[in-house]
Amino acid sequence: MRKVTMCLAASLITLAGANAFAQDVTSSRSNSGGAQIGVVGMLNYSSHAYSADDSDVADEFADHTESTLGFGGGLRAVVEFNPFLGIQPEILFKQYGATLKAEAGPFNIESTATTNYLQVPVLARLALPVGGSVTPKVLVGPTFGYFLSGSTKAGDDTKDIDAEDVERLDIGVAAGVGVDFATGPGALSLDLRYDRSLTQSNKASDMDGGLEVMNTGFSFLVGYNYKL
């Protein structure tokens, strides 16, 4: 009889613990889950990646290229299929850029390019519910960008980038991690993301050795998602 009582007590304790964890997870997902819409702002630390017919040419450009800071922001939606999996499409204004530094005899040449894109990431979202108000997440998916405008600056001379010299459509891939904090009517969202173009941003030709320029960089995003 004593053994039966102990087994029943152990079972009740196990069930109570499992039920408490399930309630925490359910509470966490109800605070941040379902369908959401939100706003987001970002800082971008971007640069250029290169490819050319002669790999030494691409390496030379890469060695003289430095990253630049840009900004962006826009709207996002979150649609969850279950407590773990969902999709997160976004519509963003995003700045890319890079600084090219070189020496020509006694002169130092420095030119900074800044390009503005309308970007639509479509990200698969894997949530990792841990209970409470905090939800870590992993994001990965394709990005679709459209060139809006750009400029180059060398010293005091600033010139607009001719759209005829740019491939308008920019297709890439993004991956990142983040965390949502349930607060108020929705959730505060912090993300760290890396993205890279799979298509070239310039129109390469045989005249420049087939040099192709791709956008790449890291972004830190802060947003707020409202439950619908």
Protein backbone atom coordinates (compact mmCIF):
# COMPACT_ATOMS: atom_id res chain seq x y z
CA MET A 1 0.00 0.00 0.00
CA ARG A 2 2.84 2.33 0.88
CA LYS A 3 4.49 1.71 -2.53
CA VAL A 4 1.23 2.42 -4.34
CA THR A 5 0.80 5.68 -2.43
CA MET A 6 4.36 6.76 -3.24
CA CYS A 7 3.88 5.96 -6.93
CA LEU A 8 0.65 7.95 -7.03
CA ALA A 9 2.34 10.90 -5.33
CA ALA A 10 5.26 10.81 -7.77
CA SER A 11 2.86 10.67 -10.71
CA LEU A 12 0.89 13.64 -9.41
CA ILE A 13 4.09 15.68 -8.93
CA THR A 14 5.25 14.83 -12.47
CA LEU A 15 1.87 15.72 -13.96
CA ALA A 16 1.74 18.96 -12.00
CA GLY A 17 5.19 19.95 -13.25
CA ALA A 18 4.32 19.12 -16.84
CA ASN A 19 1.05 21.02 -16.56
CA ALA A 20 2.82 24.09 -15.12
CA PHE A 21 5.37 24.04 -17.95
CA ALA A 22 2.63 23.66 -20.54
CA GLN A 23 0.75 26.59 -19.00
CA ASP A 24 3.92 28.73 -19.11
CA VAL A 25 4.52 27.86 -22.76
CA THR A 26 0.87 28.46 -23.63
CA SER A 27 0.97 31.79 -21.82
CA SER A 28 4.16 32.76 -23.65
CA ARG A 29 2.72 31.87 -27.04
CA SER A 30 -0.58 33.59 -26.32
CA ASN A 31 1.32 36.77 -25.48
CA SER A 32 3.38 36.72 -28.65
CA GLY A 33 1.63 34.20 -30.88
CA GLY A 34 -1.16 34.03 -33.42
CA ALA A 35 -1.19 36.67 -36.13
CA GLN A 36 0.76 39.86 -35.52
CA ILE A 37 1.64 43.04 -37.37
CA GLY A 38 4.42 45.37 -36.38
CA VAL A 39 6.85 48.16 -37.10
CA VAL A 40 10.63 47.83 -37.16
CA GLY A 41 13.71 50.03 -37.35
CA MET A 42 17.25 48.91 -38.10
CA LEU A 43 20.93 49.74 -38.28
CA ASN A 44 22.91 48.10 -41.09
CA TYR A 45 26.64 47.41 -41.13
CA SER A 46 27.10 46.58 -44.79
CA SER A 47 29.81 46.07 -47.36
CA HIS A 48 30.41 44.61 -50.81
CA ALA A 49 31.41 41.11 -51.84
CA TYR A 50 33.14 40.65 -55.18
CA SER A 51 33.47 38.10 -57.96
CA ALA A 52 35.48 38.43 -61.18
CA ASP A 53 36.91 36.43 -64.06
CA ASP A 54 40.28 36.86 -62.36
CA SER A 55 40.00 35.97 -58.67
CA ASP A 56 43.00 38.19 -57.89
CA VAL A 57 41.00 41.21 -59.07
CA ALA A 58 38.12 40.33 -56.74
CA ASP A 59 40.54 39.80 -53.85
CA GLU A 60 42.20 43.16 -54.53
CA PHE A 61 38.87 44.97 -54.35
CA ALA A 62 37.90 43.08 -51.20
CA ASP A 63 41.18 44.04 -49.50
CA HIS A 64 40.48 47.74 -50.11
CA THR A 65 36.80 47.73 -49.15
CA GLU A 66 35.46 48.75 -45.74
CA SER A 67 31.98 48.49 -44.26
CA THR A 68 29.67 51.45 -43.70
CA LEU A 69 26.71 52.17 -41.45
CA GLY A 70 23.22 52.68 -42.84
CA PHE A 71 19.67 52.62 -41.58
CA GLY A 72 16.27 51.31 -42.52
CA GLY A 73 12.84 50.37 -41.29
CA GLY A 74 9.39 49.29 -42.29
CA LEU A 75 6.54 46.93 -41.54
CA ARG A 76 6.35 43.23 -40.72
CA ALA A 77 3.75 40.54 -40.20
CA VAL A 78 3.97 37.27 -38.29
CA VAL A 79 1.74 34.29 -39.02
CA GLU A 80 2.21 31.22 -36.82
CA PHE A 81 1.16 27.77 -38.01
CA ASN A 82 1.76 26.18 -34.58
CA PRO A 83 3.60 27.14 -31.37
CA PHE A 84 6.96 26.59 -33.07
CA LEU A 85 6.74 27.31 -36.80
CA GLY A 86 5.61 30.41 -38.64
CA ILE A 87 6.38 32.84 -41.43
CA GLN A 88 7.53 36.46 -41.12
CA PRO A 89 7.24 38.62 -44.26
CA GLU A 90 8.50 42.21 -44.12
CA ILE A 91 8.48 45.34 -46.27
CA LEU A 92 11.59 47.40 -45.58
CA PHE A 93 13.48 50.46 -46.71
CA LYS A 94 17.14 49.45 -46.41
CA GLN A 95 20.48 51.13 -47.03
CA TYR A 96 23.55 49.27 -48.24
CA GLY A 97 26.98 50.73 -48.79
CA ALA A 98 30.74 50.35 -48.75
CA THR A 99 33.87 52.48 -48.79
CA LEU A 100 36.65 51.78 -51.29
CA LYS A 101 40.12 52.99 -50.29
CA ALA A 102 43.17 52.88 -52.55
CA GLU A 103 46.51 54.58 -53.10
CA ALA A 104 47.52 56.19 -56.40
CA GLY A 105 51.10 57.35 -56.05
CA PRO A 106 51.22 60.01 -53.34
CA PHE A 107 47.42 60.29 -53.26
CA ASN A 108 44.91 58.41 -51.14
CA ILE A 109 41.62 57.77 -52.90
CA GLU A 110 38.47 57.15 -50.88
CA SER A 111 35.01 56.68 -52.36
CA THR A 112 31.85 55.73 -50.47
CA ALA A 113 28.82 54.26 -52.21
CA THR A 114 25.36 54.32 -50.62
CA THR A 115 22.41 52.50 -52.20
CA ASN A 116 18.77 52.50 -51.13
CA TYR A 117 16.52 49.49 -51.64
CA LEU A 118 12.94 48.45 -51.09
CA GLN A 119 13.43 44.97 -49.65
CA VAL A 120 10.91 42.19 -49.00
CA PRO A 121 12.30 39.37 -46.83
CA VAL A 122 10.08 36.28 -46.54
CA LEU A 123 11.46 34.46 -43.52
CA ALA A 124 10.66 31.09 -42.00
CA ARG A 125 10.38 31.54 -38.25
CA LEU A 126 11.30 28.88 -35.67
CA ALA A 127 10.21 29.88 -32.17
CA LEU A 128 11.76 28.25 -29.10
CA PRO A 129 9.17 28.68 -26.32
CA VAL A 130 10.86 28.52 -22.93
CA GLY A 131 7.97 29.70 -20.79
CA GLY A 132 7.19 33.11 -19.38
CA SER A 133 7.30 36.25 -21.49
CA VAL A 134 10.53 35.55 -23.43
CA THR A 135 10.55 33.73 -26.79
CA PRO A 136 13.86 33.13 -28.62
CA LYS A 137 13.61 32.59 -32.38
CA VAL A 138 15.58 31.66 -35.48
CA LEU A 139 14.84 33.27 -38.87
CA VAL A 140 15.93 32.23 -42.37
CA GLY A 141 14.65 32.84 -45.88
CA PRO A 142 14.98 34.65 -49.20
CA THR A 143 15.01 38.41 -49.73
CA PHE A 144 13.76 40.34 -52.74
CA GLY A 145 15.06 43.87 -53.22
CA TYR A 146 14.44 46.67 -55.71
CA PHE A 147 16.97 49.47 -56.24
CA LEU A 148 15.48 52.91 -55.52
CA SER A 149 18.40 55.33 -55.58
CA GLY A 150 22.03 55.74 -54.63
CA SER A 151 25.05 58.01 -54.58
CA THR A 152 28.83 57.96 -54.46
CA LYS A 153 30.94 60.41 -52.50
CA ALA A 154 34.64 61.09 -53.05
CA GLY A 155 35.92 63.99 -50.97
CA ASP A 156 33.48 66.87 -51.39
CA ASP A 157 32.16 65.51 -54.68
CA THR A 158 28.84 63.63 -54.51
CA LYS A 159 27.23 62.05 -57.55
CA ASP A 160 23.98 60.18 -58.02
CA ILE A 161 24.23 56.60 -59.22
CA ASP A 162 22.70 56.16 -62.66
CA ALA A 163 19.97 53.51 -62.49
CA GLU A 164 21.13 52.30 -65.91
CA ASP A 165 24.38 51.13 -64.29
CA VAL A 166 22.60 49.06 -61.64
CA GLU A 167 20.72 45.78 -61.69
CA ARG A 168 17.37 46.86 -60.29
CA LEU A 169 16.37 43.48 -58.83
CA ASP A 170 18.42 42.20 -55.92
CA ILE A 171 17.74 38.62 -54.77
CA GLY A 172 19.46 37.31 -51.67
CA VAL A 173 19.20 35.24 -48.54
CA ALA A 174 19.00 36.23 -44.87
CA ALA A 175 19.46 34.36 -41.60
CA GLY A 176 19.41 35.49 -38.02
CA VAL A 177 18.42 35.04 -34.41
CA GLY A 178 16.28 37.12 -32.11
CA VAL A 179 14.11 37.27 -29.05
CA ASP A 180 10.60 38.57 -28.38
CA PHE A 181 9.60 40.04 -25.02
CA ALA A 182 5.86 40.01 -24.35
CA THR A 183 4.92 43.45 -23.07
CA GLY A 184 1.75 45.53 -23.24
CA PRO A 185 -0.60 44.63 -26.11
CA GLY A 186 2.15 42.85 -28.06
CA ALA A 187 5.85 42.02 -27.99
CA LEU A 188 9.13 43.92 -28.21
CA SER A 189 11.34 42.26 -30.81
CA LEU A 190 15.16 42.32 -31.03
CA ASP A 191 16.89 40.64 -34.00
CA LEU A 192 20.43 40.22 -35.29
CA ARG A 193 20.52 39.26 -38.95
CA TYR A 194 23.02 38.55 -41.74
CA ASP A 195 22.07 38.87 -45.40
CA ARG A 196 23.87 38.55 -48.72
CA SER A 197 22.89 39.13 -52.31
CA LEU A 198 22.92 36.16 -54.66
CA THR A 199 22.71 38.46 -57.67
CA GLN A 200 25.08 41.26 -58.66
CA SER A 201 24.16 44.88 -58.02
CA ASN A 202 26.27 46.30 -60.86
CA LYS A 203 26.11 45.61 -64.57
CA ALA A 204 29.41 43.84 -65.16
CA SER A 205 31.05 43.81 -68.58
CA ASP A 206 34.14 42.44 -70.28
CA MET A 207 35.65 45.93 -70.03
CA ASP A 208 35.98 45.62 -66.24
CA GLY A 209 37.03 41.98 -66.20
CA GLY A 210 33.55 40.75 -65.38
CA LEU A 211 33.72 42.26 -61.89
CA GLU A 212 30.48 41.58 -60.03
CA VAL A 213 29.48 43.44 -56.87
CA MET A 214 27.10 41.92 -54.31
CA ASN A 215 25.56 43.54 -51.22
CA THR A 216 26.25 41.93 -47.87
CA GLY A 217 26.05 42.88 -44.21
CA PHE A 218 24.70 42.57 -40.70
CA SER A 219 21.57 44.27 -39.38
CA PHE A 220 20.36 44.97 -35.85
CA LEU A 221 16.58 45.36 -35.76
CA VAL A 222 14.27 46.67 -33.05
CA GLY A 223 10.53 46.31 -33.53
CA TYR A 224 7.18 46.02 -31.83
CA ASN A 225 4.57 43.47 -32.90
CA TYR A 226 0.88 43.96 -32.15
CA LYS A 227 -1.43 40.97 -31.73
CA LEU A 228 -4.41 40.85 -34.09
